[in-house]
PDB file of N, CA and C in Angstrom:
ATOM      1  N   SER A   1     127.394 106.724  92.420  1.00  0.00           N
ATOM      2  CA  SER A   1     128.490 107.448  93.041  1.00  0.00           C
ATOM      3  C   SER A   1     127.943 108.688  93.749  1.00  0.00           C
ATOM      4  N   ILE A   2     128.612 109.058  94.798  1.00  0.00           N
ATOM      5  CA  ILE A   2     128.190 110.184  95.627  1.00  0.00           C
ATOM      6  C   ILE A   2     129.010 111.413  95.225  1.00  0.00           C
ATOM      7  N   ARG A   3     128.328 112.435  94.666  1.00  0.00           N
ATOM      8  CA  ARG A   3     129.043 113.639  94.248  1.00  0.00           C
ATOM      9  C   ARG A   3     128.645 114.866  95.055  1.00  0.00           C
ATOM     10  N   THR A   4     127.427 114.856  95.576  1.00  0.00           N
ATOM     11  CA  THR A   4     126.947 116.008  96.336  1.00  0.00           C
ATOM     12  C   THR A   4     126.356 115.524  97.657  1.00  0.00           C
ATOM     13  N   PRO A   5     126.203 116.420  98.617  1.00  0.00           N
ATOM     14  CA  PRO A   5     125.547 116.031  99.873  1.00  0.00           C
ATOM     15  C   PRO A   5     124.124 115.517  99.651  1.00  0.00           C
ATOM     16  N   ASP A   6     123.430 116.057  98.644  1.00  0.00           N
ATOM     17  CA  ASP A   6     122.079 115.586  98.356  1.00  0.00           C
ATOM     18  C   ASP A   6     122.105 114.133  97.876  1.00  0.00           C
ATOM     19  N   ASP A   7     123.122 113.768  97.079  1.00  0.00           N
ATOM     20  CA  ASP A   7     123.274 112.366  96.653  1.00  0.00           C
ATOM     21  C   ASP A   7     123.506 111.461  97.854  1.00  0.00           C
ATOM     22  N   PHE A   8     124.293 111.944  98.805  1.00  0.00           N
ATOM     23  CA  PHE A   8     124.551 111.159 100.020  1.00  0.00           C
ATOM     24  C   PHE A   8     123.260 110.942 100.803  1.00  0.00           C
ATOM     25  N   LEU A   9     122.471 112.000 100.972  1.00  0.00           N
ATOM     26  CA  LEU A   9     121.225 111.895 101.728  1.00  0.00           C
ATOM     27  C   LEU A   9     120.225 110.981 101.021  1.00  0.00           C
ATOM     28  N   LYS A  10     120.218 110.991  99.686  1.00  0.00           N
ATOM     29  CA  LYS A  10     119.358 110.067  98.943  1.00  0.00           C
ATOM     30  C   LYS A  10     119.835 108.637  99.127  1.00  0.00           C
ATOM     31  N   ALA A  11     121.157 108.436  99.152  1.00  0.00           N
ATOM     32  CA  ALA A  11     121.716 107.088  99.240  1.00  0.00           C
ATOM     33  C   ALA A  11     121.458 106.448 100.599  1.00  0.00           C
ATOM     34  N   ILE A  12     121.430 107.237 101.681  1.00  0.00           N
ATOM     35  CA  ILE A  12     121.205 106.631 102.994  1.00  0.00           C
ATOM     36  C   ILE A  12     119.726 106.349 103.235  1.00  0.00           C
ATOM     37  N   GLY A  13     118.843 106.897 102.398  1.00  0.00           N
ATOM     38  CA  GLY A  13     117.428 106.550 102.469  1.00  0.00           C
ATOM     39  C   GLY A  13     116.666 107.305 103.532  1.00  0.00           C
ATOM     40  N   ARG A  14     115.509 106.750 103.913  1.00  0.00           N
ATOM     41  CA  ARG A  14     114.597 107.339 104.905  1.00  0.00           C
ATOM     42  C   ARG A  14     114.147 108.740 104.519  1.00  0.00           C
ATOM     43  N   SER A  15     114.192 109.063 103.235  1.00  0.00           N
ATOM     44  CA  SER A  15     113.823 110.370 102.678  1.00  0.00           C
ATOM     45  C   SER A  15     114.529 111.517 103.409  1.00  0.00           C
ATOM     46  N   CYS A  16     115.804 111.305 103.729  1.00  0.00           N
ATOM     47  CA  CYS A  16     116.586 112.344 104.415  1.00  0.00           C
ATOM     48  C   CYS A  16     116.822 113.550 103.516  1.00  0.00           C
ATOM     49  N   ASN A  17     116.832 113.339 102.183  1.00  0.00           N
ATOM     50  CA  ASN A  17     117.072 114.457 101.282  1.00  0.00           C
ATOM     51  C   ASN A  17     115.936 115.477 101.319  1.00  0.00           C
ATOM     52  N   THR A  18     114.738 115.068 101.747  1.00  0.00           N
ATOM     53  CA  THR A  18     113.641 116.032 101.853  1.00  0.00           C
ATOM     54  C   THR A  18     113.679 116.780 103.181  1.00  0.00           C
ATOM     55  N   LYS A  19     114.373 116.248 104.168  1.00  0.00           N
ATOM     56  CA  LYS A  19     114.393 116.853 105.500  1.00  0.00           C
ATOM     57  C   LYS A  19     115.550 117.824 105.687  1.00  0.00           C
ATOM     58  N   LEU A  20     116.556 117.719 104.810  1.00  0.00           N
ATOM     59  CA  LEU A  20     117.738 118.566 104.947  1.00  0.00           C
ATOM     60  C   LEU A  20     118.247 118.896 103.554  1.00  0.00           C
ATOM     61  N   SER A  21     118.572 120.155 103.301  1.00  0.00           N
ATOM     62  CA  SER A  21     119.130 120.534 102.000  1.00  0.00           C
ATOM     63  C   SER A  21     120.385 121.363 102.237  1.00  0.00           C
ATOM     64  N   ILE A  22     121.518 120.807 101.813  1.00  0.00           N
ATOM     65  CA  ILE A  22     122.817 121.468 101.954  1.00  0.00           C
ATOM     66  C   ILE A  22     123.515 121.376 100.606  1.00  0.00           C
ATOM     67  N   GLU A  23     124.151 122.461 100.187  1.00  0.00           N
ATOM     68  CA  GLU A  23     124.752 122.513  98.856  1.00  0.00           C
ATOM     69  C   GLU A  23     126.219 122.079  98.837  1.00  0.00           C
ATOM     70  N   SER A  24     127.022 122.508  99.803  1.00  0.00           N
ATOM     71  CA  SER A  24     128.465 122.243  99.735  1.00  0.00           C
ATOM     72  C   SER A  24     128.876 121.173 100.738  1.00  0.00           C
ATOM     73  N   TRP A  25     129.941 120.442 100.386  1.00  0.00           N
ATOM     74  CA  TRP A  25     130.455 119.397 101.281  1.00  0.00           C
ATOM     75  C   TRP A  25     131.012 120.001 102.560  1.00  0.00           C
ATOM     76  N   ASP A  26     131.678 121.159 102.463  1.00  0.00           N
ATOM     77  CA  ASP A  26     132.250 121.783 103.665  1.00  0.00           C
ATOM     78  C   ASP A  26     131.159 122.098 104.684  1.00  0.00           C
ATOM     79  N   GLU A  27     130.077 122.662 104.201  1.00  0.00           N
ATOM     80  CA  GLU A  27     128.954 122.984 105.091  1.00  0.00           C
ATOM     81  C   GLU A  27     128.331 121.701 105.652  1.00  0.00           C
ATOM     82  N   PHE A  28     128.274 120.660 104.813  1.00  0.00           N
ATOM     83  CA  PHE A  28     127.678 119.391 105.234  1.00  0.00           C
ATOM     84  C   PHE A  28     128.484 118.748 106.355  1.00  0.00           C
ATOM     85  N   TRP A  29     129.815 118.714 106.229  1.00  0.00           N
ATOM     86  CA  TRP A  29     130.638 118.042 107.243  1.00  0.00           C
ATOM     87  C   TRP A  29     130.740 118.846 108.526  1.00  0.00           C
ATOM     88  N   ARG A  30     130.404 120.155 108.477  1.00  0.00           N
ATOM     89  CA  ARG A  30     130.433 120.963 109.694  1.00  0.00           C
ATOM     90  C   ARG A  30     129.140 120.873 110.495  1.00  0.00           C
ATOM     91  N   GLN A  31     128.144 120.193 109.978  1.00  0.00           N
ATOM     92  CA  GLN A  31     126.860 120.069 110.675  1.00  0.00           C
ATOM     93  C   GLN A  31     127.022 119.272 111.965  1.00  0.00           C
ATOM     94  N   ASP A  32     126.338 119.719 113.006  1.00  0.00           N
ATOM     95  CA  ASP A  32     126.270 118.944 114.244  1.00  0.00           C
ATOM     96  C   ASP A  32     124.800 118.872 114.661  1.00  0.00           C
ATOM     97  N   GLY A  33     124.554 118.245 115.782  1.00  0.00           N
ATOM     98  CA  GLY A  33     123.180 118.022 116.211  1.00  0.00           C
ATOM     99  C   GLY A  33     122.393 119.301 116.408  1.00  0.00           C
ATOM    100  N   ALA A  34     123.027 120.325 116.966  1.00  0.00           N
ATOM    101  CA  ALA A  34     122.325 121.584 117.222  1.00  0.00           C
ATOM    102  C   ALA A  34     121.931 122.270 115.914  1.00  0.00           C
ATOM    103  N   GLN A  35     122.818 122.231 114.923  1.00  0.00           N
ATOM    104  CA  GLN A  35     122.500 122.859 113.641  1.00  0.00           C
ATOM    105  C   GLN A  35     121.403 122.100 112.905  1.00  0.00           C
ATOM    106  N   LEU A  36     121.435 120.760 113.003  1.00  0.00           N
ATOM    107  CA  LEU A  36     120.374 119.969 112.378  1.00  0.00           C
ATOM    108  C   LEU A  36     119.037 120.228 113.075  1.00  0.00           C
ATOM    109  N   LYS A  37     119.079 120.415 114.395  1.00  0.00           N
ATOM    110  CA  LYS A  37     117.853 120.708 115.142  1.00  0.00           C
ATOM    111  C   LYS A  37     117.282 122.054 114.721  1.00  0.00           C
ATOM    112  N   SER A  38     118.148 123.054 114.568  1.00  0.00           N
ATOM    113  CA  SER A  38     117.664 124.371 114.155  1.00  0.00           C
ATOM    114  C   SER A  38     117.158 124.348 112.710  1.00  0.00           C
ATOM    115  N   ALA A  39     117.628 123.366 111.915  1.00  0.00           N
ATOM    116  CA  ALA A  39     117.131 123.219 110.544  1.00  0.00           C
ATOM    117  C   ALA A  39     115.790 122.504 110.506  1.00  0.00           C
ATOM    118  N   GLY A  40     115.330 122.002 111.670  1.00  0.00           N
ATOM    119  CA  GLY A  40     114.019 121.378 111.741  1.00  0.00           C
ATOM    120  C   GLY A  40     114.019 119.880 111.515  1.00  0.00           C
ATOM    121  N   VAL A  41     115.174 119.229 111.679  1.00  0.00           N
ATOM    122  CA  VAL A  41     115.257 117.777 111.498  1.00  0.00           C
ATOM    123  C   VAL A  41     114.888 117.109 112.822  1.00  0.00           C
ATOM    124  N   GLY A  42     114.055 116.070 112.769  1.00  0.00           N
ATOM    125  CA  GLY A  42     113.606 115.366 113.969  1.00  0.00           C
ATOM    126  C   GLY A  42     114.729 114.603 114.648  1.00  0.00           C
ATOM    127  N   VAL A  43     114.498 114.174 115.876  1.00  0.00           N
ATOM    128  CA  VAL A  43     115.533 113.541 116.695  1.00  0.00           C
ATOM    129  C   VAL A  43     116.053 112.258 116.055  1.00  0.00           C
ATOM    130  N   SER A  44     115.163 111.343 115.687  1.00  0.00           N
ATOM    131  CA  SER A  44     115.626 110.067 115.140  1.00  0.00           C
ATOM    132  C   SER A  44     116.322 110.270 113.800  1.00  0.00           C
ATOM    133  N   ASP A  45     115.855 111.230 112.994  1.00  0.00           N
ATOM    134  CA  ASP A  45     116.508 111.519 111.718  1.00  0.00           C
ATOM    135  C   ASP A  45     117.871 112.162 111.937  1.00  0.00           C
ATOM    136  N   ARG A  46     117.966 113.060 112.927  1.00  0.00           N
ATOM    137  CA  ARG A  46     119.270 113.663 113.251  1.00  0.00           C
ATOM    138  C   ARG A  46     120.281 112.601 113.621  1.00  0.00           C
ATOM    139  N   ARG A  47     119.873 111.701 114.514  1.00  0.00           N
ATOM    140  CA  ARG A  47     120.794 110.658 114.974  1.00  0.00           C
ATOM    141  C   ARG A  47     121.214 109.765 113.815  1.00  0.00           C
ATOM    142  N   TYR A  48     120.269 109.433 112.940  1.00  0.00           N
ATOM    143  CA  TYR A  48     120.575 108.572 111.802  1.00  0.00           C
ATOM    144  C   TYR A  48     121.534 109.267 110.837  1.00  0.00           C
ATOM    145  N   ILE A  49     121.285 110.534 110.519  1.00  0.00           N
ATOM    146  CA  ILE A  49     122.147 111.273 109.591  1.00  0.00           C
ATOM    147  C   ILE A  49     123.548 111.408 110.161  1.00  0.00           C
ATOM    148  N   LEU A  50     123.668 111.785 111.437  1.00  0.00           N
ATOM    149  CA  LEU A  50     124.990 111.946 112.044  1.00  0.00           C
ATOM    150  C   LEU A  50     125.732 110.618 112.112  1.00  0.00           C
ATOM    151  N   SER A  51     125.021 109.535 112.393  1.00  0.00           N
ATOM    152  CA  SER A  51     125.643 108.215 112.431  1.00  0.00           C
ATOM    153  C   SER A  51     126.149 107.827 111.048  1.00  0.00           C
ATOM    154  N   CYS A  52     125.340 108.053 110.024  1.00  0.00           N
ATOM    155  CA  CYS A  52     125.751 107.728 108.656  1.00  0.00           C
ATOM    156  C   CYS A  52     126.917 108.598 108.205  1.00  0.00           C
ATOM    157  N   MET A  53     126.906 109.864 108.592  1.00  0.00           N
ATOM    158  CA  MET A  53     128.026 110.740 108.243  1.00  0.00           C
ATOM    159  C   MET A  53     129.322 110.216 108.837  1.00  0.00           C
ATOM    160  N   GLU A  54     129.286 109.799 110.099  1.00  0.00           N
ATOM    161  CA  GLU A  54     130.491 109.319 110.770  1.00  0.00           C
ATOM    162  C   GLU A  54     130.995 108.024 110.138  1.00  0.00           C
ATOM    163  N   LYS A  55     130.086 107.118 109.803  1.00  0.00           N
ATOM    164  CA  LYS A  55     130.504 105.858 109.193  1.00  0.00           C
ATOM    165  C   LYS A  55     131.042 106.079 107.789  1.00  0.00           C
ATOM    166  N   TYR A  56     130.441 106.996 107.029  1.00  0.00           N
ATOM    167  CA  TYR A  56     130.936 107.311 105.689  1.00  0.00           C
ATOM    168  C   TYR A  56     132.309 107.968 105.774  1.00  0.00           C
ATOM    169  N   ARG A  57     132.485 108.822 106.763  1.00  0.00           N
ATOM    170  CA  ARG A  57     133.774 109.476 106.986  1.00  0.00           C
ATOM    171  C   ARG A  57     134.845 108.462 107.355  1.00  0.00           C
ATOM    172  N   SER A  58     134.439 107.383 108.060  1.00  0.00           N
ATOM    173  CA  SER A  58     135.389 106.343 108.469  1.00  0.00           C
ATOM    174  C   SER A  58     135.739 105.388 107.339  1.00  0.00           C
ATOM    175  N   GLY A  59     135.036 105.472 106.211  1.00  0.00           N
ATOM    176  CA  GLY A  59     135.396 104.661 105.058  1.00  0.00           C
ATOM    177  C   GLY A  59     134.501 103.465 104.792  1.00  0.00           C
ATOM    178  N   PHE A  60     133.390 103.340 105.509  1.00  0.00           N
ATOM    179  CA  PHE A  60     132.471 102.227 105.257  1.00  0.00           C
ATOM    180  C   PHE A  60     131.649 102.512 103.998  1.00  0.00           C
ATOM    181  N   ALA A  61     131.256 101.451 103.302  1.00  0.00           N
ATOM    182  CA  ALA A  61     130.381 101.593 102.142  1.00  0.00           C
ATOM    183  C   ALA A  61     128.961 101.894 102.625  1.00  0.00           C
ATOM    184  N   ILE A  62     128.241 102.694 101.860  1.00  0.00           N
ATOM    185  CA  ILE A  62     126.898 103.100 102.281  1.00  0.00           C
ATOM    186  C   ILE A  62     125.977 101.897 102.415  1.00  0.00           C
ATOM    187  N   ASP A  63     126.142 100.901 101.567  1.00  0.00           N
ATOM    188  CA  ASP A  63     125.285  99.712 101.645  1.00  0.00           C
ATOM    189  C   ASP A  63     125.469  98.958 102.950  1.00  0.00           C
ATOM    190  N   ASP A  64     126.619  99.131 103.613  1.00  0.00           N
ATOM    191  CA  ASP A  64     126.883  98.424 104.870  1.00  0.00           C
ATOM    192  C   ASP A  64     126.120  99.020 106.049  1.00  0.00           C
ATOM    193  N   PHE A  65     125.863 100.331 106.028  1.00  0.00           N
ATOM    194  CA  PHE A  65     125.270 100.948 107.218  1.00  0.00           C
ATOM    195  C   PHE A  65     123.906 101.589 106.988  1.00  0.00           C
ATOM    196  N   ALA A  66     123.511 101.848 105.765  1.00  0.00           N
ATOM    197  CA  ALA A  66     122.201 102.458 105.515  1.00  0.00           C
ATOM    198  C   ALA A  66     121.117 101.406 105.694  1.00  0.00           C
ATOM    199  N   HIS A  67     120.094 101.714 106.479  1.00  0.00           N
ATOM    200  CA  HIS A  67     119.019 100.757 106.733  1.00  0.00           C
ATOM    201  C   HIS A  67     117.715 101.500 106.981  1.00  0.00           C
ATOM    202  N   GLU A  68     116.638 100.784 106.855  1.00  0.00           N
ATOM    203  CA  GLU A  68     115.314 101.352 107.093  1.00  0.00           C
ATOM    204  C   GLU A  68     115.060 101.452 108.593  1.00  0.00           C
ATOM    205  N   PRO A  69     114.113 102.290 109.013  1.00  0.00           N
ATOM    206  CA  PRO A  69     113.835 102.398 110.449  1.00  0.00           C
ATOM    207  C   PRO A  69     113.228 101.121 111.003  1.00  0.00           C
ATOM    208  N   ARG A  70     113.382 100.933 112.288  1.00  0.00           N
ATOM    209  CA  ARG A  70     112.822  99.786 112.993  1.00  0.00           C
ATOM    210  C   ARG A  70     111.294  99.859 112.934  1.00  0.00           C
ATOM    211  N   PRO A  71     110.617  98.735 112.670  1.00  0.00           N
ATOM    212  CA  PRO A  71     109.153  98.787 112.619  1.00  0.00           C
ATOM    213  C   PRO A  71     108.554  99.050 113.991  1.00  0.00           C
ATOM    214  N   LYS A  72     107.330  99.566 113.994  1.00  0.00           N
ATOM    215  CA  LYS A  72     106.659  99.853 115.263  1.00  0.00           C
ATOM    216  C   LYS A  72     106.354  98.568 115.999  1.00  0.00           C
ATOM    217  N   LYS A  73     106.277  98.665 117.310  1.00  0.00           N
ATOM    218  CA  LYS A  73     105.986  97.497 118.134  1.00  0.00           C
ATOM    219  C   LYS A  73     104.547  97.051 117.909  1.00  0.00           C
ATOM    220  N   THR A  74     104.334  95.728 117.949  1.00  0.00           N
ATOM    221  CA  THR A  74     102.981  95.213 117.765  1.00  0.00           C
ATOM    222  C   THR A  74     102.285  94.997 119.099  1.00  0.00           C
ATOM    223  N   VAL A  75     103.035  94.723 120.156  1.00  0.00           N
ATOM    224  CA  VAL A  75     102.456  94.530 121.482  1.00  0.00           C
ATOM    225  C   VAL A  75     102.570  95.847 122.224  1.00  0.00           C
ATOM    226  N   ARG A  76     101.444  96.369 122.689  1.00  0.00           N
ATOM    227  CA  ARG A  76     101.454  97.651 123.377  1.00  0.00           C
ATOM    228  C   ARG A  76     101.027  97.472 124.813  1.00  0.00           C
ATOM    229  N   GLY A  77     101.207  98.478 125.594  1.00  0.00           N
ATOM    230  CA  GLY A  77     100.758  98.450 126.981  1.00  0.00           C
ATOM    231  C   GLY A  77     101.837  97.915 127.904  1.00  0.00           C
ATOM    232  N   TRP A  78     101.408  97.225 128.936  1.00  0.00           N
ATOM    233  CA  TRP A  78     102.315  96.755 129.975  1.00  0.00           C
ATOM    234  C   TRP A  78     102.895  95.389 129.662  1.00  0.00           C
ATOM    235  N   GLY A  79     102.650  94.872 128.486  1.00  0.00           N
ATOM    236  CA  GLY A  79     103.176  93.570 128.113  1.00  0.00           C
ATOM    237  C   GLY A  79     102.068  92.540 128.048  1.00  0.00           C
ATOM    238  N   PRO A  80     102.403  91.370 127.539  1.00  0.00           N
ATOM    239  CA  PRO A  80     101.374  90.343 127.381  1.00  0.00           C
ATOM    240  C   PRO A  80     100.934  89.768 128.714  1.00  0.00           C
ATOM    241  N   SER A  81      99.672  89.340 128.784  1.00  0.00           N
ATOM    242  CA  SER A  81      99.170  88.740 130.022  1.00  0.00           C
ATOM    243  C   SER A  81      99.525  87.266 130.101  1.00  0.00           C
ATOM    244  N   VAL A  82      99.950  86.684 128.951  1.00  0.00           N
ATOM    245  CA  VAL A  82     100.372  85.287 128.936  1.00  0.00           C
ATOM    246  C   VAL A  82     101.785  85.241 128.382  1.00  0.00           C
ATOM    247  N   GLN A  83     102.692  84.639 129.126  1.00  0.00           N
ATOM    248  CA  GLN A  83     104.070  84.481 128.681  1.00  0.00           C
ATOM    249  C   GLN A  83     104.471  83.032 128.846  1.00  0.00           C
ATOM    250  N   ASN A  84     105.011  82.447 127.792  1.00  0.00           N
ATOM    251  CA  ASN A  84     105.471  81.058 127.802  1.00  0.00           C
ATOM    252  C   ASN A  84     104.355  80.101 128.230  1.00  0.00           C
ATOM    253  N   GLY A  85     103.141  80.382 127.799  1.00  0.00           N
ATOM    254  CA  GLY A  85     102.025  79.493 128.092  1.00  0.00           C
ATOM    255  C   GLY A  85     101.463  79.615 129.492  1.00  0.00           C
ATOM    256  N   LYS A  86     101.938  80.550 130.293  1.00  0.00           N
ATOM    257  CA  LYS A  86     101.454  80.712 131.665  1.00  0.00           C
ATOM    258  C   LYS A  86     100.882  82.108 131.825  1.00  0.00           C
ATOM    259  N   ARG A  87      99.732  82.197 132.467  1.00  0.00           N
ATOM    260  CA  ARG A  87      99.125  83.497 132.713  1.00  0.00           C
ATOM    261  C   ARG A  87      99.921  84.227 133.782  1.00  0.00           C
ATOM    262  N   ILE A  88     100.252  85.464 133.498  1.00  0.00           N
ATOM    263  CA  ILE A  88     101.038  86.273 134.418  1.00  0.00           C
ATOM    264  C   ILE A  88     100.082  87.026 135.337  1.00  0.00           C
ATOM    265  N   ARG A  89     100.271  86.893 136.623  1.00  0.00           N
ATOM    266  CA  ARG A  89      99.459  87.622 137.601  1.00  0.00           C
ATOM    267  C   ARG A  89     100.392  88.399 138.513  1.00  0.00           C
ATOM    268  N   SER A  90      99.910  89.515 138.950  1.00  0.00           N
ATOM    269  CA  SER A  90     100.731  90.299 139.867  1.00  0.00           C
ATOM    270  C   SER A  90     100.676  89.671 141.251  1.00  0.00           C
ATOM    271  N   ARG A  91     101.731  89.848 141.979  1.00  0.00           N
ATOM    272  CA  ARG A  91     101.775  89.348 143.355  1.00  0.00           C
ATOM    273  C   ARG A  91     101.313  90.477 144.262  1.00  0.00           C
ATOM    274  N   ARG A  92     100.184  90.259 144.905  1.00  0.00           N
ATOM    275  CA  ARG A  92      99.629  91.302 145.754  1.00  0.00           C
ATOM    276  C   ARG A  92     100.011  91.056 147.200  1.00  0.00           C
ATOM    277  N   ASP A  93     100.242  92.141 147.895  1.00  0.00           N
ATOM    278  CA  ASP A  93     100.570  92.068 149.308  1.00  0.00           C
ATOM    279  C   ASP A  93      99.267  91.916 150.095  1.00  0.00           C
ATOM    280  N   PRO A  94      99.099  90.825 150.883  1.00  0.00           N
ATOM    281  CA  PRO A  94      97.835  90.630 151.605  1.00  0.00           C
ATOM    282  C   PRO A  94      97.570  91.724 152.637  1.00  0.00           C
ATOM    283  N   LYS A  95      98.596  92.403 153.120  1.00  0.00           N
ATOM    284  CA  LYS A  95      98.401  93.462 154.109  1.00  0.00           C
ATOM    285  C   LYS A  95      97.733  94.688 153.488  1.00  0.00           C
ATOM    286  N   LYS A  96      97.926  94.872 152.185  1.00  0.00           N
ATOM    287  CA  LYS A  96      97.371  96.040 151.516  1.00  0.00           C
ATOM    288  C   LYS A  96      96.035  95.737 150.853  1.00  0.00           C
ATOM    289  N   SER A  97      95.493  94.571 151.109  1.00  0.00           N
ATOM    290  CA  SER A  97      94.240  94.164 150.488  1.00  0.00           C
ATOM    291  C   SER A  97      93.093  95.041 150.984  1.00  0.00           C
ATOM    292  N   LYS A  98      92.164  95.360 150.091  1.00  0.00           N
ATOM    293  CA  LYS A  98      91.015  96.180 150.473  1.00  0.00           C
ATOM    294  C   LYS A  98      89.954  95.354 151.179  1.00  0.00           C
ATOM    295  N   ARG A  99      89.959  94.048 150.957  1.00  0.00           N
ATOM    296  CA  ARG A  99      88.965  93.191 151.585  1.00  0.00           C
ATOM    297  C   ARG A  99      89.337  92.988 153.047  1.00  0.00           C
ATOM    298  N   LYS A 100      88.366  93.167 153.901  1.00  0.00           N
ATOM    299  CA  LYS A 100      88.619  92.998 155.341  1.00  0.00           C
ATOM    300  C   LYS A 100      88.598  91.521 155.682  1.00  0.00           C
ATOM    301  N   THR A 101      89.544  91.109 156.482  1.00  0.00           N
ATOM    302  CA  THR A 101      89.567  89.716 156.941  1.00  0.00           C
ATOM    303  C   THR A 101      88.855  89.643 158.282  1.00  0.00           C
ATOM    304  N   PRO A 102      88.012  88.625 158.476  1.00  0.00           N
ATOM    305  CA  PRO A 102      87.301  88.522 159.763  1.00  0.00           C
ATOM    306  C   PRO A 102      88.272  88.187 160.884  1.00  0.00           C
ATOM    307  N   ASN A 103      88.101  88.838 162.016  1.00  0.00           N
ATOM    308  CA  ASN A 103      88.984  88.609 163.169  1.00  0.00           C
ATOM    309  C   ASN A 103      88.338  87.727 164.193  1.00  0.00           C
TER     310      ASN A 103
END
């Protein structure tokens, strides 16, 4: 059961209880993005906390909306060089080619 704001932050996970410490419910519900930013909470954590606060306020169960962060991408850069079994090549404009064509 959720009795304090710290219990709520523990219940939503992502170690939010270590990033924000608020004692009273009134102070907790008055928090907005600017106040969380001045408290030193990061952008993705701010968005997650505010989203969870709104869903909890709307009456959803914490188990329905609390989730772990999205894992990091495994493919980096400009994308894979092979897609659907075909090698991807850029289409070059022959007019901009550095190689001189014999006239």
